[in-house]
Amino acid sequence: MKLKPLGGEIWTKPFKVLLLLAVIAGIFIIRRFIFGLGAVTHLNDGYPWGMWIVYDVVTGTAIACGGYAMAILVYIFNRGKYHPLVRSALLASLFGYTLAGVSIVLDVGRYWQLHNVFMPGYYNPHSVMFEVASCIALYIFVMWVEFSPAFAEQMKREKLHNFLNKIMFIFLGLGVLLPTMHQSSLGSLIIVAGEKLSPLFQTMWIPLLFLITAILMGYSMVIVESILSSVGFKRPIESNILARLSRLIPFLLVIFLIIRFADIIIRGEIGLMFSFNLASIMFIIETILFLIPMVILFSEKNRGRSQMLFISAVLMILAGALYRFDVFIVVFNPGHGYHYFPAFQEIMITVGIIAMEIMGYLIFVKRLPVFPEVKHA
């Protein structure tokens, strides 16, 4: 399989719009560093984390699990037929995780002390947050190493490329281990909230539920990214390989829903589903969003249609994202009358970070060998 840069102009109209959004975010980021978190956020003592943490870290890294999900499939289960999707999925994950890591500097109040998380005299190895921080930081490094053969190929450094291939098995192993650890631990973070979270969401199984949905969102993002790239860059849609990949999603969804509902039933909380308060309504909406792609993708006919693949994958990502937002913000109740809704600046900074991810992706796919070469008849 020969990979090749797509080429083409970078300074396009969509790129200019993305750059404008990034510049607006940059202005608000400067304001945040000069005047503090209170100048650009609605955070308070009841909600010490807000949209940035919940999207950039809790949700954004799950959406960026395409590289991790494909590594499991290709390198653990030896499904080499999916290899053409690996590098593009890795690239999307690379930018998603890297900018999530960078955005942590925005989220932390005393950002100038952030390095102390990793200092032996200060870190707490018994903390779930330490495990999440160290795993994500190391995983970002691992992904850059995994992607480095693309730079070697572009520079035609054959010796470097061969050396990287010889040691790559180490980083591939870490690339599967680390997300398994921190994606489940992101769920563990909320266990300490106890009764502040509705019993419909609060469970000791939440680490496993977070891990399963991260894998589901990863596979879904691979489908979305592949179809959008094919349409945007006028490449043939890889319908057959995406149809085969999508078979995994409904089965994983069945496992997720069985675990979630069985846990609620065993704990005797199933009646809360029909209380029709905020937690109940959000739970029902989530469940519907999870069920729709499951029903769609159980049909072989639907899996063969790019439109249905795209719709079901988008719905799966929305369902996983809503699940995380519900757990950390929407149905989280700190009590004492605290309320939270993200400020306009918070929203625009998040939009700007997403714009930066897309800009980086566009530059890399146009200048580096990421996609398989299209053979014209």
Protein backbone atom coordinates (compact mmCIF):
# COMPACT_ATOMS: atom_id res chain seq x y z
CA MET A 1 0.00 0.00 0.00
CA LYS A 2 1.57 3.25 -1.16
CA LEU A 3 0.67 6.42 0.70
CA LYS A 4 0.86 9.80 -0.98
CA PRO A 5 0.28 13.49 -0.06
CA LEU A 6 -2.94 14.84 -1.49
CA GLY A 7 -1.28 18.09 -2.59
CA GLY A 8 -3.28 21.16 -3.50
CA GLU A 9 -3.61 24.67 -2.14
CA ILE A 10 -3.73 25.14 1.62
CA TRP A 11 -4.84 28.79 1.67
CA THR A 12 -8.44 28.06 0.65
CA LYS A 13 -11.64 29.84 1.73
CA PRO A 14 -12.55 27.17 4.34
CA PHE A 15 -8.99 27.40 5.72
CA LYS A 16 -9.34 31.20 6.04
CA VAL A 17 -12.62 30.79 7.96
CA LEU A 18 -10.97 28.28 10.29
CA LEU A 19 -8.05 30.64 10.80
CA LEU A 20 -10.44 33.48 11.69
CA LEU A 21 -12.09 31.27 14.33
CA ALA A 22 -8.66 30.35 15.68
CA VAL A 23 -7.64 34.02 15.89
CA ILE A 24 -10.84 34.91 17.78
CA ALA A 25 -10.13 32.07 20.20
CA GLY A 26 -6.54 33.31 20.52
CA ILE A 27 -7.77 36.76 21.60
CA PHE A 28 -9.95 35.24 24.32
CA ILE A 29 -7.09 32.97 25.40
CA ILE A 30 -4.85 36.01 25.88
CA ARG A 31 -7.61 37.60 27.96
CA ARG A 32 -7.83 34.44 30.05
CA PHE A 33 -4.09 34.50 30.84
CA ILE A 34 -4.09 38.22 31.67
CA PHE A 35 -7.27 38.46 33.77
CA GLY A 36 -7.78 34.85 34.90
CA LEU A 37 -10.47 32.21 34.43
CA GLY A 38 -13.26 34.43 35.75
CA ALA A 39 -12.83 36.85 32.85
CA VAL A 40 -13.80 34.28 30.22
CA THR A 41 -15.69 31.48 32.01
CA HIS A 42 -18.74 30.92 34.20
CA LEU A 43 -16.92 28.44 36.44
CA ASN A 44 -17.68 28.51 40.16
CA ASP A 45 -17.06 26.54 43.35
CA GLY A 46 -19.83 24.08 42.48
CA TYR A 47 -18.61 23.52 38.92
CA PRO A 48 -14.79 23.66 39.05
CA TRP A 49 -14.72 22.09 35.59
CA GLY A 50 -16.76 23.34 32.66
CA MET A 51 -17.01 23.11 28.92
CA TRP A 52 -13.25 23.06 28.34
CA ILE A 53 -12.53 20.04 30.51
CA VAL A 54 -15.70 18.20 29.51
CA TYR A 55 -15.20 18.74 25.79
CA ASP A 56 -11.42 19.05 25.34
CA VAL A 57 -10.49 16.15 27.64
CA VAL A 58 -13.47 13.99 28.57
CA THR A 59 -15.27 14.13 25.21
CA GLY A 60 -12.62 15.32 22.75
CA THR A 61 -10.17 12.54 23.57
CA ALA A 62 -12.95 9.96 23.15
CA ILE A 63 -13.81 11.38 19.72
CA ALA A 64 -10.08 11.20 18.99
CA CYS A 65 -9.93 7.47 19.80
CA GLY A 66 -9.99 6.46 16.13
CA GLY A 67 -6.28 5.69 16.12
CA TYR A 68 -6.62 3.63 19.30
CA ALA A 69 -9.67 1.75 18.02
CA MET A 70 -7.97 0.95 14.71
CA ALA A 71 -4.79 -0.16 16.50
CA ILE A 72 -6.84 -2.71 18.45
CA LEU A 73 -8.40 -4.00 15.26
CA VAL A 74 -5.29 -4.09 13.05
CA TYR A 75 -2.46 -4.87 15.45
CA ILE A 76 -4.18 -6.81 18.25
CA PHE A 77 -6.75 -8.77 16.22
CA ASN A 78 -4.54 -8.82 13.11
CA ARG A 79 -7.17 -7.46 10.72
CA GLY A 80 -4.74 -6.15 8.10
CA LYS A 81 -7.51 -5.37 5.61
CA TYR A 82 -8.30 -2.24 7.66
CA HIS A 83 -4.72 -0.94 7.44
CA PRO A 84 -5.52 1.71 4.76
CA LEU A 85 -7.55 3.56 7.42
CA VAL A 86 -4.86 3.50 10.12
CA ARG A 87 -2.69 6.52 9.30
CA SER A 88 -5.54 8.94 8.63
CA ALA A 89 -7.25 7.76 11.84
CA LEU A 90 -3.98 8.20 13.73
CA LEU A 91 -3.58 11.72 12.37
CA ALA A 92 -7.06 12.76 13.51
CA SER A 93 -6.33 11.27 16.94
CA LEU A 94 -2.96 12.99 17.05
CA PHE A 95 -4.41 16.47 16.69
CA GLY A 96 -7.38 15.71 18.93
CA TYR A 97 -5.20 14.54 21.79
CA THR A 98 -2.40 17.08 21.30
CA LEU A 99 -4.72 20.08 21.43
CA ALA A 100 -6.61 18.50 24.34
CA GLY A 101 -3.30 18.30 26.16
CA VAL A 102 -2.44 21.89 25.28
CA SER A 103 -5.87 23.11 26.34
CA ILE A 104 -5.31 21.74 29.84
CA VAL A 105 -3.08 24.79 30.35
CA LEU A 106 -6.21 26.93 29.83
CA ASP A 107 -8.33 24.84 32.19
CA VAL A 108 -6.00 24.85 35.18
CA GLY A 109 -6.24 27.90 37.42
CA ARG A 110 -2.57 27.95 38.44
CA TYR A 111 -1.19 26.90 35.08
CA TRP A 112 2.32 27.98 36.06
CA GLN A 113 2.39 25.06 38.53
CA LEU A 114 1.08 22.47 36.09
CA HIS A 115 4.49 20.82 35.74
CA ASN A 116 4.31 19.84 39.43
CA VAL A 117 1.85 17.10 38.46
CA PHE A 118 4.85 15.12 37.19
CA MET A 119 7.42 16.20 39.81
CA PRO A 120 8.32 13.39 42.27
CA GLY A 121 8.05 15.73 45.24
CA TYR A 122 4.49 16.77 44.37
CA TYR A 123 2.67 14.11 42.38
CA ASN A 124 0.14 11.78 43.95
CA PRO A 125 0.42 8.26 42.45
CA HIS A 126 -2.81 7.24 44.23
CA SER A 127 -4.86 9.86 42.36
CA VAL A 128 -7.02 8.99 39.35
CA MET A 129 -6.29 12.47 38.00
CA PHE A 130 -2.56 11.76 38.13
CA GLU A 131 -3.11 8.56 36.15
CA VAL A 132 -5.20 10.41 33.56
CA ALA A 133 -2.68 13.26 33.24
CA SER A 134 0.37 11.01 32.95
CA CYS A 135 -1.31 8.57 30.55
CA ILE A 136 -2.60 11.28 28.22
CA ALA A 137 0.76 13.09 28.22
CA LEU A 138 2.63 9.88 27.42
CA TYR A 139 0.05 8.84 24.82
CA ILE A 140 0.48 12.15 22.96
CA PHE A 141 4.22 11.43 22.73
CA VAL A 142 3.53 7.85 21.62
CA MET A 143 1.21 9.01 18.82
CA TRP A 144 3.80 11.45 17.47
CA VAL A 145 6.30 8.59 17.34
CA GLU A 146 3.71 6.35 15.65
CA PHE A 147 3.10 9.03 13.03
CA SER A 148 6.81 9.85 12.54
CA PRO A 149 7.30 7.37 9.63
CA ALA A 150 5.18 9.78 7.54
CA PHE A 151 7.85 12.47 8.04
CA ALA A 152 10.62 9.98 7.20
CA GLU A 153 8.80 8.93 4.02
CA GLN A 154 8.27 12.52 2.92
CA MET A 155 11.95 13.38 3.53
CA LYS A 156 12.97 10.09 1.84
CA ARG A 157 15.04 9.07 4.89
CA GLU A 158 15.01 5.32 4.32
CA LYS A 159 17.37 4.43 7.17
CA LEU A 160 15.33 6.42 9.65
CA HIS A 161 12.14 4.86 8.31
CA ASN A 162 13.55 1.34 8.71
CA PHE A 163 14.74 2.10 12.24
CA LEU A 164 11.31 3.44 13.22
CA ASN A 165 9.64 0.33 11.83
CA LYS A 166 11.94 -1.89 13.92
CA ILE A 167 11.06 -0.21 17.21
CA MET A 168 7.45 0.64 16.39
CA PHE A 169 6.04 -2.48 18.08
CA ILE A 170 6.92 -0.93 21.46
CA PHE A 171 4.90 2.20 20.74
CA LEU A 172 2.04 0.25 19.19
CA GLY A 173 1.74 -1.70 22.43
CA LEU A 174 1.75 1.50 24.47
CA GLY A 175 -0.70 3.02 22.00
CA VAL A 176 -3.24 0.34 22.95
CA LEU A 177 -2.47 0.19 26.68
CA LEU A 178 -2.50 3.90 27.54
CA PRO A 179 -5.95 4.85 26.13
CA THR A 180 -7.44 1.74 27.74
CA MET A 181 -6.19 3.07 31.06
CA HIS A 182 -7.10 6.74 30.83
CA GLN A 183 -10.41 6.41 28.97
CA SER A 184 -11.73 4.14 31.72
CA SER A 185 -10.21 6.41 34.37
CA LEU A 186 -12.08 9.40 32.97
CA GLY A 187 -15.18 7.55 34.12
CA SER A 188 -13.57 6.83 37.49
CA LEU A 189 -13.15 10.57 38.07
CA ILE A 190 -16.90 11.03 38.57
CA ILE A 191 -17.36 8.14 41.03
CA VAL A 192 -16.18 10.41 43.85
CA ALA A 193 -19.15 12.71 43.13
CA GLY A 194 -21.40 10.15 44.81
CA GLU A 195 -24.99 11.32 45.24
CA LYS A 196 -24.33 14.53 43.34
CA LEU A 197 -24.92 12.42 40.23
CA SER A 198 -28.25 10.71 39.55
CA PRO A 199 -28.32 6.90 40.16
CA LEU A 200 -29.20 6.57 36.46
CA PHE A 201 -25.64 7.66 35.72
CA GLN A 202 -23.67 7.01 38.93
CA THR A 203 -22.34 3.45 38.94
CA MET A 204 -19.16 1.55 39.72
CA TRP A 205 -19.38 0.29 36.12
CA ILE A 206 -18.89 3.77 34.70
CA PRO A 207 -15.17 3.21 33.88
CA LEU A 208 -16.12 0.28 31.62
CA LEU A 209 -19.02 2.23 30.09
CA PHE A 210 -16.71 5.14 29.32
CA LEU A 211 -14.16 2.80 27.73
CA ILE A 212 -16.74 1.08 25.51
CA THR A 213 -18.21 4.37 24.32
CA ALA A 214 -14.71 5.73 23.62
CA ILE A 215 -14.06 2.76 21.31
CA LEU A 216 -17.48 3.22 19.70
CA MET A 217 -16.84 6.93 19.15
CA GLY A 218 -13.39 6.08 17.77
CA TYR A 219 -14.75 3.73 15.11
CA SER A 220 -17.55 6.18 14.30
CA MET A 221 -15.08 9.03 13.89
CA VAL A 222 -13.00 6.92 11.50
CA ILE A 223 -16.12 6.49 9.34
CA VAL A 224 -17.03 10.19 9.51
CA GLU A 225 -13.46 11.35 8.82
CA SER A 226 -13.05 8.92 5.92
CA ILE A 227 -16.31 9.91 4.22
CA LEU A 228 -15.77 13.66 4.73
CA SER A 229 -12.19 13.38 3.42
CA SER A 230 -13.34 11.41 0.39
CA VAL A 231 -16.03 13.96 -0.44
CA GLY A 232 -13.91 17.01 0.38
CA PHE A 233 -10.83 15.84 -1.51
CA LYS A 234 -12.81 14.21 -4.35
CA ARG A 235 -11.54 10.71 -3.62
CA PRO A 236 -13.53 7.48 -3.99
CA ILE A 237 -15.38 6.59 -0.79
CA GLU A 238 -13.96 3.40 0.74
CA SER A 239 -17.46 1.94 1.02
CA ASN A 240 -16.54 -1.73 1.33
CA ILE A 241 -13.98 -1.34 4.08
CA LEU A 242 -16.16 1.13 6.00
CA ALA A 243 -19.15 -1.21 5.73
CA ARG A 244 -17.08 -4.03 7.24
CA LEU A 245 -15.78 -1.75 9.97
CA SER A 246 -19.29 -0.58 10.86
CA ARG A 247 -20.33 -4.16 11.73
CA LEU A 248 -18.52 -3.77 15.04
CA ILE A 249 -20.57 -0.77 16.19
CA PRO A 250 -24.00 -2.41 16.76
CA PHE A 251 -22.49 -5.35 18.65
CA LEU A 252 -20.50 -3.05 20.93
CA LEU A 253 -23.65 -0.96 21.43
CA VAL A 254 -25.57 -4.05 22.51
CA ILE A 255 -22.86 -4.82 25.08
CA PHE A 256 -22.92 -1.23 26.33
CA LEU A 257 -26.71 -1.10 26.67
CA ILE A 258 -26.91 -4.52 28.36
CA ILE A 259 -24.33 -3.50 30.95
CA ARG A 260 -25.96 -0.13 31.55
CA PHE A 261 -29.53 -1.39 31.89
CA ALA A 262 -28.59 -4.54 33.82
CA ASP A 263 -26.71 -2.39 36.33
CA ILE A 264 -29.68 -0.04 36.79
CA ILE A 265 -32.11 -2.96 37.18
CA ILE A 266 -29.89 -4.83 39.66
CA ARG A 267 -29.52 -1.67 41.78
CA GLY A 268 -33.31 -1.23 41.72
CA GLU A 269 -33.19 2.20 40.09
CA ILE A 270 -35.06 1.42 36.87
CA GLY A 271 -38.10 3.36 38.09
CA LEU A 272 -36.08 6.58 37.91
CA MET A 273 -36.24 6.28 34.12
CA PHE A 274 -39.90 7.27 34.28
CA SER A 275 -39.63 10.13 36.77
CA PHE A 276 -39.30 12.55 33.82
CA ASN A 277 -37.01 14.94 35.63
CA LEU A 278 -33.87 16.28 33.94
CA ALA A 279 -31.83 13.13 34.57
CA SER A 280 -34.63 10.88 33.31
CA ILE A 281 -35.21 12.94 30.15
CA MET A 282 -31.49 13.09 29.31
CA PHE A 283 -31.17 9.34 29.94
CA ILE A 284 -34.03 8.63 27.51
CA ILE A 285 -32.57 10.95 24.86
CA GLU A 286 -29.18 9.26 25.21
CA THR A 287 -30.72 5.81 24.90
CA ILE A 288 -32.60 6.78 21.75
CA LEU A 289 -29.43 8.21 20.22
CA PHE A 290 -27.59 4.96 21.01
CA LEU A 291 -30.42 2.79 19.66
CA ILE A 292 -30.82 4.51 16.28
CA PRO A 293 -27.30 3.73 14.92
CA MET A 294 -27.54 0.24 16.40
CA VAL A 295 -30.75 -0.47 14.49
CA ILE A 296 -29.43 1.14 11.30
CA LEU A 297 -26.14 -0.75 11.30
CA PHE A 298 -27.60 -4.17 12.04
CA SER A 299 -28.95 -3.99 8.47
CA GLU A 300 -26.44 -5.12 5.85
CA LYS A 301 -28.25 -3.00 3.27
CA ASN A 302 -27.77 0.15 5.35
CA ARG A 303 -24.10 -0.65 5.92
CA GLY A 304 -23.62 -0.67 2.16
CA ARG A 305 -24.93 2.89 1.79
CA SER A 306 -22.49 5.70 2.54
CA GLN A 307 -25.26 8.10 3.58
CA MET A 308 -26.58 5.71 6.22
CA LEU A 309 -23.08 4.94 7.44
CA PHE A 310 -22.38 8.64 7.86
CA ILE A 311 -25.67 9.38 9.63
CA SER A 312 -25.32 6.46 12.04
CA ALA A 313 -21.69 7.34 12.81
CA VAL A 314 -22.58 10.99 13.52
CA LEU A 315 -25.45 9.90 15.80
CA MET A 316 -23.09 7.55 17.64
CA ILE A 317 -20.62 10.37 18.25
CA LEU A 318 -23.44 12.65 19.44
CA ALA A 319 -24.72 9.93 21.78
CA GLY A 320 -21.29 9.36 23.31
CA ALA A 321 -20.67 13.10 23.63
CA LEU A 322 -24.07 13.69 25.25
CA TYR A 323 -23.40 10.84 27.70
CA ARG A 324 -20.20 12.53 28.85
CA PHE A 325 -21.70 16.02 29.02
CA ASP A 326 -24.65 14.67 31.00
CA VAL A 327 -22.40 12.95 33.53
CA PHE A 328 -20.03 15.87 34.10
CA ILE A 329 -22.33 18.89 33.67
CA VAL A 330 -25.98 18.47 32.69
CA VAL A 331 -27.23 16.08 35.41
CA PHE A 332 -24.39 16.74 37.84
CA ASN A 333 -25.87 18.56 40.83
CA PRO A 334 -23.33 20.05 43.29
CA GLY A 335 -26.14 21.45 45.45
CA HIS A 336 -26.15 24.78 47.32
CA GLY A 337 -27.86 26.49 44.39
CA TYR A 338 -24.90 26.35 42.03
CA HIS A 339 -25.62 26.66 38.31
CA TYR A 340 -23.39 26.60 35.25
CA PHE A 341 -23.74 27.41 31.59
CA PRO A 342 -20.63 28.10 29.46
CA ALA A 343 -19.79 31.71 28.70
CA PHE A 344 -19.61 32.91 25.12
CA GLN A 345 -15.81 33.12 25.43
CA GLU A 346 -15.64 29.49 26.62
CA ILE A 347 -17.64 28.36 23.61
CA MET A 348 -15.55 30.38 21.15
CA ILE A 349 -12.27 29.09 22.60
CA THR A 350 -13.53 25.52 22.17
CA VAL A 351 -14.64 26.30 18.60
CA GLY A 352 -11.21 27.81 17.94
CA ILE A 353 -9.43 24.73 19.26
CA ILE A 354 -11.53 22.54 16.96
CA ALA A 355 -10.66 24.89 14.08
CA MET A 356 -6.95 24.50 14.88
CA GLU A 357 -7.33 20.70 14.80
CA ILE A 358 -8.96 20.82 11.37
CA MET A 359 -6.34 23.26 10.04
CA GLY A 360 -3.51 21.01 11.21
CA TYR A 361 -5.21 17.99 9.66
CA LEU A 362 -5.61 19.77 6.31
CA ILE A 363 -1.96 20.84 6.22
CA PHE A 364 -0.69 17.36 7.07
CA VAL A 365 -2.82 15.41 4.58
CA LYS A 366 -1.86 17.81 1.77
CA ARG A 367 1.87 17.75 2.51
CA LEU A 368 2.51 14.30 4.03
CA PRO A 369 1.73 10.73 2.91
CA VAL A 370 -1.43 9.96 4.86
CA PHE A 371 -3.95 8.55 2.40
CA PRO A 372 -3.43 5.59 0.04
CA GLU A 373 -2.63 6.56 -3.52
CA VAL A 374 -5.65 6.43 -5.81
CA LYS A 375 -5.09 4.28 -8.85
CA HIS A 376 -6.83 5.72 -11.87
CA ALA A 377 -8.10 3.37 -14.54
